[in-house]
Amino acid sequence: MSAAVVFKALQEKLEAEAVVYRTVQKDMNKNINNKTQFQQQLQENQMVMKELEVVEEDGNVYKLVGPMLIKQDLVEAKANVGKRLEYITSEIKRIDSAYKSMEKKEREVQEEILKMQKQLQAMQQRAAGASA
């Protein structure tokens, strides 16, 4: 194979890896945004749980359903908020795990890009040295 063909193939592979790298970065940004939303929901639900803890046994608890406030049993309200807290916490853990694997993929792609760039530079230098 001629050097020009190898050079062109390497350039195309480099461009493909760059696309993969950008995609991974976009996914990581989406992941961060999702985690931020879940953390916000976690804080809100923790505040709700604290408020429910101070409500007396015979106190009234209302749930907003659309434009209406519906009376809800205190035990049921605590159970619902507790389940929501568990779900949100598990989602944050899942997002963290996914983010770590994305970071690993990003590093791998970045290393591959750097390796290809060095190969391209070496080929250009050899070509420049041969034509001089």
N, C-alpha and C. Protein backbone atom coordinates (compact mmCIF):
# COMPACT_ATOMS: atom_id res chain seq x y z
N MET A 1 0.84 -1.17 0.00
CA MET A 1 0.00 0.00 0.00
C MET A 1 0.89 1.24 0.00
N SER A 2 0.47 2.23 -0.75
CA SER A 2 1.27 3.44 -0.80
C SER A 2 1.07 4.26 0.47
N ALA A 3 2.02 5.11 0.73
CA ALA A 3 1.98 5.94 1.94
C ALA A 3 0.76 6.86 1.91
N ALA A 4 0.40 7.33 0.72
CA ALA A 4 -0.74 8.24 0.61
C ALA A 4 -2.04 7.53 1.00
N VAL A 5 -2.19 6.29 0.60
CA VAL A 5 -3.40 5.52 0.93
C VAL A 5 -3.46 5.26 2.44
N VAL A 6 -2.34 4.89 3.00
CA VAL A 6 -2.27 4.64 4.45
C VAL A 6 -2.57 5.93 5.21
N PHE A 7 -2.00 7.03 4.74
CA PHE A 7 -2.21 8.33 5.37
C PHE A 7 -3.69 8.70 5.33
N LYS A 8 -4.32 8.55 4.18
CA LYS A 8 -5.74 8.89 4.03
C LYS A 8 -6.61 8.00 4.93
N ALA A 9 -6.31 6.71 4.96
CA ALA A 9 -7.07 5.78 5.81
C ALA A 9 -6.94 6.15 7.29
N LEU A 10 -5.74 6.53 7.69
CA LEU A 10 -5.50 6.93 9.08
C LEU A 10 -6.25 8.22 9.40
N GLN A 11 -6.28 9.14 8.45
CA GLN A 11 -7.02 10.39 8.65
C GLN A 11 -8.51 10.11 8.82
N GLU A 12 -9.05 9.23 7.99
CA GLU A 12 -10.47 8.90 8.08
C GLU A 12 -10.79 8.23 9.42
N LYS A 13 -9.90 7.35 9.86
CA LYS A 13 -10.11 6.70 11.15
C LYS A 13 -10.04 7.72 12.28
N LEU A 14 -9.14 8.67 12.16
CA LEU A 14 -9.01 9.74 13.16
C LEU A 14 -10.29 10.56 13.22
N GLU A 15 -10.84 10.89 12.07
CA GLU A 15 -12.09 11.66 12.03
C GLU A 15 -13.23 10.87 12.67
N ALA A 16 -13.29 9.57 12.41
CA ALA A 16 -14.32 8.72 13.00
C ALA A 16 -14.18 8.68 14.53
N GLU A 17 -12.95 8.57 15.01
CA GLU A 17 -12.71 8.57 16.46
C GLU A 17 -13.09 9.91 17.08
N ALA A 18 -12.87 10.99 16.34
CA ALA A 18 -13.25 12.32 16.84
C ALA A 18 -14.76 12.42 17.00
N VAL A 19 -15.49 11.82 16.07
CA VAL A 19 -16.96 11.81 16.16
C VAL A 19 -17.38 11.02 17.40
N VAL A 20 -16.75 9.87 17.62
CA VAL A 20 -17.05 9.05 18.80
C VAL A 20 -16.76 9.85 20.07
N TYR A 21 -15.65 10.55 20.08
CA TYR A 21 -15.24 11.34 21.24
C TYR A 21 -16.29 12.43 21.54
N ARG A 22 -16.73 13.13 20.50
CA ARG A 22 -17.75 14.17 20.70
C ARG A 22 -19.06 13.57 21.21
N THR A 23 -19.41 12.41 20.69
CA THR A 23 -20.63 11.75 21.13
C THR A 23 -20.55 11.37 22.61
N VAL A 24 -19.42 10.84 23.00
CA VAL A 24 -19.23 10.46 24.40
C VAL A 24 -19.33 11.71 25.29
N GLN A 25 -18.73 12.81 24.85
CA GLN A 25 -18.80 14.04 25.65
C GLN A 25 -20.23 14.55 25.76
N LYS A 26 -21.00 14.47 24.67
CA LYS A 26 -22.41 14.88 24.73
C LYS A 26 -23.18 14.01 25.71
N ASP A 27 -22.93 12.70 25.66
CA ASP A 27 -23.59 11.78 26.58
C ASP A 27 -23.22 12.09 28.03
N MET A 28 -21.96 12.44 28.25
CA MET A 28 -21.52 12.79 29.60
C MET A 28 -22.23 14.05 30.09
N ASN A 29 -22.40 15.02 29.20
CA ASN A 29 -23.10 16.26 29.58
C ASN A 29 -24.56 15.98 29.90
N LYS A 30 -25.22 15.13 29.11
CA LYS A 30 -26.60 14.75 29.40
C LYS A 30 -26.67 14.07 30.76
N ASN A 31 -25.70 13.21 31.02
CA ASN A 31 -25.63 12.48 32.27
C ASN A 31 -25.52 13.45 33.45
N ILE A 32 -24.67 14.46 33.30
CA ILE A 32 -24.49 15.45 34.36
C ILE A 32 -25.79 16.21 34.60
N ASN A 33 -26.48 16.58 33.50
CA ASN A 33 -27.75 17.29 33.64
C ASN A 33 -28.79 16.44 34.35
N ASN A 34 -28.85 15.15 33.99
CA ASN A 34 -29.79 14.24 34.65
C ASN A 34 -29.48 14.11 36.14
N LYS A 35 -28.21 13.99 36.45
CA LYS A 35 -27.81 13.85 37.86
C LYS A 35 -28.20 15.11 38.64
N THR A 36 -27.99 16.26 38.03
CA THR A 36 -28.36 17.52 38.68
C THR A 36 -29.84 17.56 38.99
N GLN A 37 -30.66 17.13 38.03
CA GLN A 37 -32.11 17.11 38.25
C GLN A 37 -32.48 16.16 39.39
N PHE A 38 -31.87 14.98 39.38
CA PHE A 38 -32.18 14.01 40.44
C PHE A 38 -31.71 14.51 41.81
N GLN A 39 -30.57 15.18 41.85
CA GLN A 39 -30.09 15.72 43.13
C GLN A 39 -31.05 16.79 43.65
N GLN A 40 -31.56 17.58 42.74
CA GLN A 40 -32.53 18.61 43.12
C GLN A 40 -33.80 17.94 43.67
N GLN A 41 -34.28 16.91 42.98
CA GLN A 41 -35.45 16.18 43.45
C GLN A 41 -35.18 15.52 44.80
N LEU A 42 -33.97 15.01 44.97
CA LEU A 42 -33.60 14.37 46.23
C LEU A 42 -33.70 15.38 47.37
N GLN A 43 -33.16 16.56 47.17
CA GLN A 43 -33.20 17.59 48.22
C GLN A 43 -34.65 17.98 48.54
N GLU A 44 -35.46 18.14 47.50
CA GLU A 44 -36.86 18.51 47.72
C GLU A 44 -37.59 17.43 48.51
N ASN A 45 -37.37 16.18 48.14
CA ASN A 45 -38.05 15.09 48.83
C ASN A 45 -37.53 14.89 50.24
N GLN A 46 -36.24 15.16 50.46
CA GLN A 46 -35.71 15.09 51.82
C GLN A 46 -36.36 16.16 52.70
N MET A 47 -36.57 17.34 52.12
CA MET A 47 -37.25 18.41 52.87
C MET A 47 -38.68 18.01 53.19
N VAL A 48 -39.37 17.40 52.22
CA VAL A 48 -40.74 16.95 52.45
C VAL A 48 -40.77 15.92 53.57
N MET A 49 -39.82 14.97 53.55
CA MET A 49 -39.77 13.93 54.58
C MET A 49 -39.54 14.56 55.96
N LYS A 50 -38.67 15.55 56.04
CA LYS A 50 -38.43 16.23 57.32
C LYS A 50 -39.70 16.90 57.82
N GLU A 51 -40.43 17.51 56.89
CA GLU A 51 -41.68 18.16 57.27
C GLU A 51 -42.71 17.12 57.75
N LEU A 52 -42.75 15.98 57.07
CA LEU A 52 -43.69 14.93 57.48
C LEU A 52 -43.33 14.36 58.84
N GLU A 53 -42.05 14.36 59.18
CA GLU A 53 -41.60 13.84 60.48
C GLU A 53 -42.11 14.71 61.63
N VAL A 54 -42.27 16.00 61.39
CA VAL A 54 -42.72 16.89 62.48
C VAL A 54 -44.24 16.99 62.57
N VAL A 55 -44.96 16.45 61.58
CA VAL A 55 -46.42 16.47 61.63
C VAL A 55 -46.89 15.47 62.68
N GLU A 56 -47.84 15.90 63.50
CA GLU A 56 -48.37 15.03 64.55
C GLU A 56 -49.22 13.93 63.91
N GLU A 57 -49.40 12.83 64.64
CA GLU A 57 -50.14 11.67 64.13
C GLU A 57 -51.52 12.04 63.60
N ASP A 58 -52.19 12.95 64.29
CA ASP A 58 -53.55 13.31 63.87
C ASP A 58 -53.56 14.54 62.96
N GLY A 59 -52.38 14.98 62.54
CA GLY A 59 -52.28 16.15 61.67
C GLY A 59 -52.77 15.84 60.26
N ASN A 60 -53.12 16.88 59.55
CA ASN A 60 -53.61 16.72 58.18
C ASN A 60 -52.47 16.88 57.18
N VAL A 61 -52.48 16.00 56.20
CA VAL A 61 -51.49 16.06 55.12
C VAL A 61 -52.28 16.11 53.81
N TYR A 62 -51.89 17.01 52.95
CA TYR A 62 -52.56 17.15 51.66
C TYR A 62 -51.56 16.95 50.53
N LYS A 63 -52.07 16.35 49.47
CA LYS A 63 -51.26 16.10 48.29
C LYS A 63 -51.85 16.91 47.14
N LEU A 64 -50.98 17.59 46.40
CA LEU A 64 -51.43 18.39 45.26
C LEU A 64 -51.60 17.47 44.05
N VAL A 65 -52.81 17.35 43.58
CA VAL A 65 -53.11 16.55 42.39
C VAL A 65 -53.76 17.48 41.39
N GLY A 66 -52.99 17.86 40.38
CA GLY A 66 -53.48 18.85 39.42
C GLY A 66 -53.72 20.16 40.17
N PRO A 67 -54.89 20.76 40.01
CA PRO A 67 -55.18 22.01 40.71
C PRO A 67 -55.82 21.81 42.09
N MET A 68 -55.94 20.55 42.53
CA MET A 68 -56.66 20.27 43.78
C MET A 68 -55.74 19.72 44.86
N LEU A 69 -56.08 20.02 46.09
CA LEU A 69 -55.40 19.43 47.24
C LEU A 69 -56.26 18.28 47.75
N ILE A 70 -55.68 17.10 47.80
CA ILE A 70 -56.39 15.90 48.24
C ILE A 70 -55.81 15.47 49.59
N LYS A 71 -56.69 15.21 50.55
CA LYS A 71 -56.24 14.77 51.86
C LYS A 71 -55.61 13.39 51.73
N GLN A 72 -54.48 13.21 52.43
CA GLN A 72 -53.75 11.95 52.36
C GLN A 72 -53.38 11.50 53.76
N ASP A 73 -53.39 10.21 53.98
CA ASP A 73 -53.00 9.62 55.26
C ASP A 73 -51.51 9.89 55.50
N LEU A 74 -51.14 10.24 56.72
CA LEU A 74 -49.76 10.57 57.06
C LEU A 74 -48.82 9.39 56.79
N VAL A 75 -49.21 8.19 57.18
CA VAL A 75 -48.38 7.00 56.98
C VAL A 75 -48.17 6.75 55.49
N GLU A 76 -49.25 6.90 54.73
CA GLU A 76 -49.17 6.70 53.29
C GLU A 76 -48.26 7.75 52.65
N ALA A 77 -48.37 8.99 53.11
CA ALA A 77 -47.53 10.07 52.57
C ALA A 77 -46.06 9.79 52.86
N LYS A 78 -45.75 9.37 54.09
CA LYS A 78 -44.35 9.05 54.44
C LYS A 78 -43.84 7.89 53.60
N ALA A 79 -44.68 6.88 53.39
CA ALA A 79 -44.28 5.72 52.60
C ALA A 79 -43.99 6.13 51.15
N ASN A 80 -44.87 6.97 50.60
CA ASN A 80 -44.68 7.43 49.21
C ASN A 80 -43.39 8.23 49.05
N VAL A 81 -43.15 9.13 49.99
CA VAL A 81 -41.94 9.95 49.92
C VAL A 81 -40.70 9.07 50.13
N GLY A 82 -40.80 8.11 51.03
CA GLY A 82 -39.69 7.18 51.26
C GLY A 82 -39.35 6.38 50.01
N LYS A 83 -40.39 5.90 49.31
CA LYS A 83 -40.17 5.16 48.07
C LYS A 83 -39.53 6.07 47.01
N ARG A 84 -40.00 7.29 46.95
CA ARG A 84 -39.43 8.24 46.00
C ARG A 84 -37.96 8.51 46.30
N LEU A 85 -37.64 8.65 47.58
CA LEU A 85 -36.25 8.86 47.98
C LEU A 85 -35.38 7.67 47.57
N GLU A 86 -35.89 6.46 47.78
CA GLU A 86 -35.14 5.25 47.38
C GLU A 86 -34.91 5.24 45.87
N TYR A 87 -35.97 5.55 45.12
CA TYR A 87 -35.86 5.54 43.66
C TYR A 87 -34.84 6.58 43.19
N ILE A 88 -34.94 7.79 43.72
CA ILE A 88 -34.04 8.87 43.30
C ILE A 88 -32.59 8.51 43.65
N THR A 89 -32.38 7.98 44.85
CA THR A 89 -31.04 7.58 45.27
C THR A 89 -30.47 6.50 44.35
N SER A 90 -31.30 5.52 43.99
CA SER A 90 -30.82 4.46 43.10
C SER A 90 -30.53 5.01 41.70
N GLU A 91 -31.31 5.97 41.24
CA GLU A 91 -31.05 6.59 39.93
C GLU A 91 -29.73 7.37 39.95
N ILE A 92 -29.47 8.06 41.03
CA ILE A 92 -28.21 8.81 41.13
C ILE A 92 -27.03 7.84 41.10
N LYS A 93 -27.16 6.71 41.80
CA LYS A 93 -26.09 5.71 41.79
C LYS A 93 -25.90 5.14 40.39
N ARG A 94 -27.01 4.87 39.69
CA ARG A 94 -26.94 4.35 38.33
C ARG A 94 -26.27 5.36 37.40
N ILE A 95 -26.62 6.62 37.55
CA ILE A 95 -26.04 7.68 36.73
C ILE A 95 -24.55 7.80 37.00
N ASP A 96 -24.16 7.73 38.27
CA ASP A 96 -22.73 7.80 38.63
C ASP A 96 -21.96 6.65 37.99
N SER A 97 -22.54 5.47 38.03
CA SER A 97 -21.89 4.31 37.44
C SER A 97 -21.74 4.48 35.93
N ALA A 98 -22.80 4.94 35.29
CA ALA A 98 -22.75 5.17 33.84
C ALA A 98 -21.72 6.24 33.50
N TYR A 99 -21.63 7.26 34.34
CA TYR A 99 -20.68 8.35 34.09
C TYR A 99 -19.24 7.83 34.17
N LYS A 100 -18.98 6.97 35.13
CA LYS A 100 -17.63 6.40 35.28
C LYS A 100 -17.25 5.59 34.04
N SER A 101 -18.19 4.82 33.52
CA SER A 101 -17.88 4.05 32.31
C SER A 101 -17.70 4.98 31.11
N MET A 102 -18.44 6.08 31.08
CA MET A 102 -18.26 7.06 30.00
C MET A 102 -16.90 7.74 30.10
N GLU A 103 -16.47 8.03 31.32
CA GLU A 103 -15.15 8.63 31.50
C GLU A 103 -14.06 7.68 30.99
N LYS A 104 -14.22 6.40 31.29
CA LYS A 104 -13.25 5.40 30.83
C LYS A 104 -13.24 5.36 29.30
N LYS A 105 -14.41 5.34 28.70
CA LYS A 105 -14.51 5.32 27.23
C LYS A 105 -13.88 6.58 26.65
N GLU A 106 -14.13 7.73 27.28
CA GLU A 106 -13.56 8.99 26.81
C GLU A 106 -12.03 8.93 26.83
N ARG A 107 -11.46 8.42 27.93
CA ARG A 107 -10.00 8.30 28.03
C ARG A 107 -9.45 7.39 26.94
N GLU A 108 -10.13 6.26 26.73
CA GLU A 108 -9.67 5.31 25.71
C GLU A 108 -9.67 5.94 24.32
N VAL A 109 -10.76 6.63 23.99
CA VAL A 109 -10.87 7.27 22.68
C VAL A 109 -9.83 8.38 22.55
N GLN A 110 -9.64 9.13 23.63
CA GLN A 110 -8.66 10.21 23.62
C GLN A 110 -7.25 9.65 23.38
N GLU A 111 -6.92 8.56 24.04
CA GLU A 111 -5.61 7.93 23.84
C GLU A 111 -5.45 7.46 22.40
N GLU A 112 -6.49 6.89 21.85
CA GLU A 112 -6.45 6.40 20.47
C GLU A 112 -6.25 7.57 19.50
N ILE A 113 -6.94 8.67 19.76
CA ILE A 113 -6.80 9.87 18.91
C ILE A 113 -5.37 10.38 18.97
N LEU A 114 -4.82 10.48 20.16
CA LEU A 114 -3.45 10.96 20.30
C LEU A 114 -2.46 10.05 19.57
N LYS A 115 -2.68 8.75 19.68
CA LYS A 115 -1.81 7.78 19.01
C LYS A 115 -1.87 7.98 17.49
N MET A 116 -3.08 8.15 16.97
CA MET A 116 -3.23 8.34 15.53
C MET A 116 -2.63 9.67 15.07
N GLN A 117 -2.80 10.70 15.89
CA GLN A 117 -2.21 12.00 15.54
C GLN A 117 -0.68 11.90 15.46
N LYS A 118 -0.09 11.18 16.40
CA LYS A 118 1.37 10.99 16.37
C LYS A 118 1.79 10.22 15.12
N GLN A 119 1.02 9.21 14.76
CA GLN A 119 1.33 8.44 13.55
C GLN A 119 1.25 9.33 12.31
N LEU A 120 0.21 10.17 12.25
CA LEU A 120 0.06 11.07 11.11
C LEU A 120 1.22 12.06 11.04
N GLN A 121 1.61 12.61 12.18
CA GLN A 121 2.73 13.55 12.22
C GLN A 121 4.02 12.87 11.75
N ALA A 122 4.24 11.64 12.21
CA ALA A 122 5.44 10.91 11.81
C ALA A 122 5.43 10.66 10.30
N MET A 123 4.27 10.32 9.77
CA MET A 123 4.17 10.08 8.32
C MET A 123 4.43 11.36 7.54
N GLN A 124 3.90 12.48 8.05
CA GLN A 124 4.12 13.77 7.37
C GLN A 124 5.59 14.15 7.40
N GLN A 125 6.24 13.92 8.54
CA GLN A 125 7.65 14.25 8.65
C GLN A 125 8.49 13.37 7.72
N ARG A 126 8.13 12.08 7.65
CA ARG A 126 8.87 11.20 6.72
C ARG A 126 8.66 11.64 5.28
N ALA A 127 7.43 12.02 4.95
CA ALA A 127 7.14 12.47 3.58
C ALA A 127 7.89 13.76 3.28
N ALA A 128 7.95 14.66 4.25
CA ALA A 128 8.66 15.93 4.05
C ALA A 128 10.16 15.66 3.91
N GLY A 129 10.65 14.73 4.70
CA GLY A 129 12.09 14.39 4.65
C GLY A 129 12.44 13.71 3.33
N ALA A 130 11.53 12.91 2.80
CA ALA A 130 11.80 12.19 1.55
C ALA A 130 11.76 13.12 0.35
N SER A 131 10.90 14.15 0.44
CA SER A 131 10.79 15.07 -0.71
C SER A 131 11.85 16.17 -0.66
N ALA A 132 12.52 16.33 0.46
CA ALA A 132 13.52 17.39 0.58
C ALA A 132 14.85 17.00 0.02
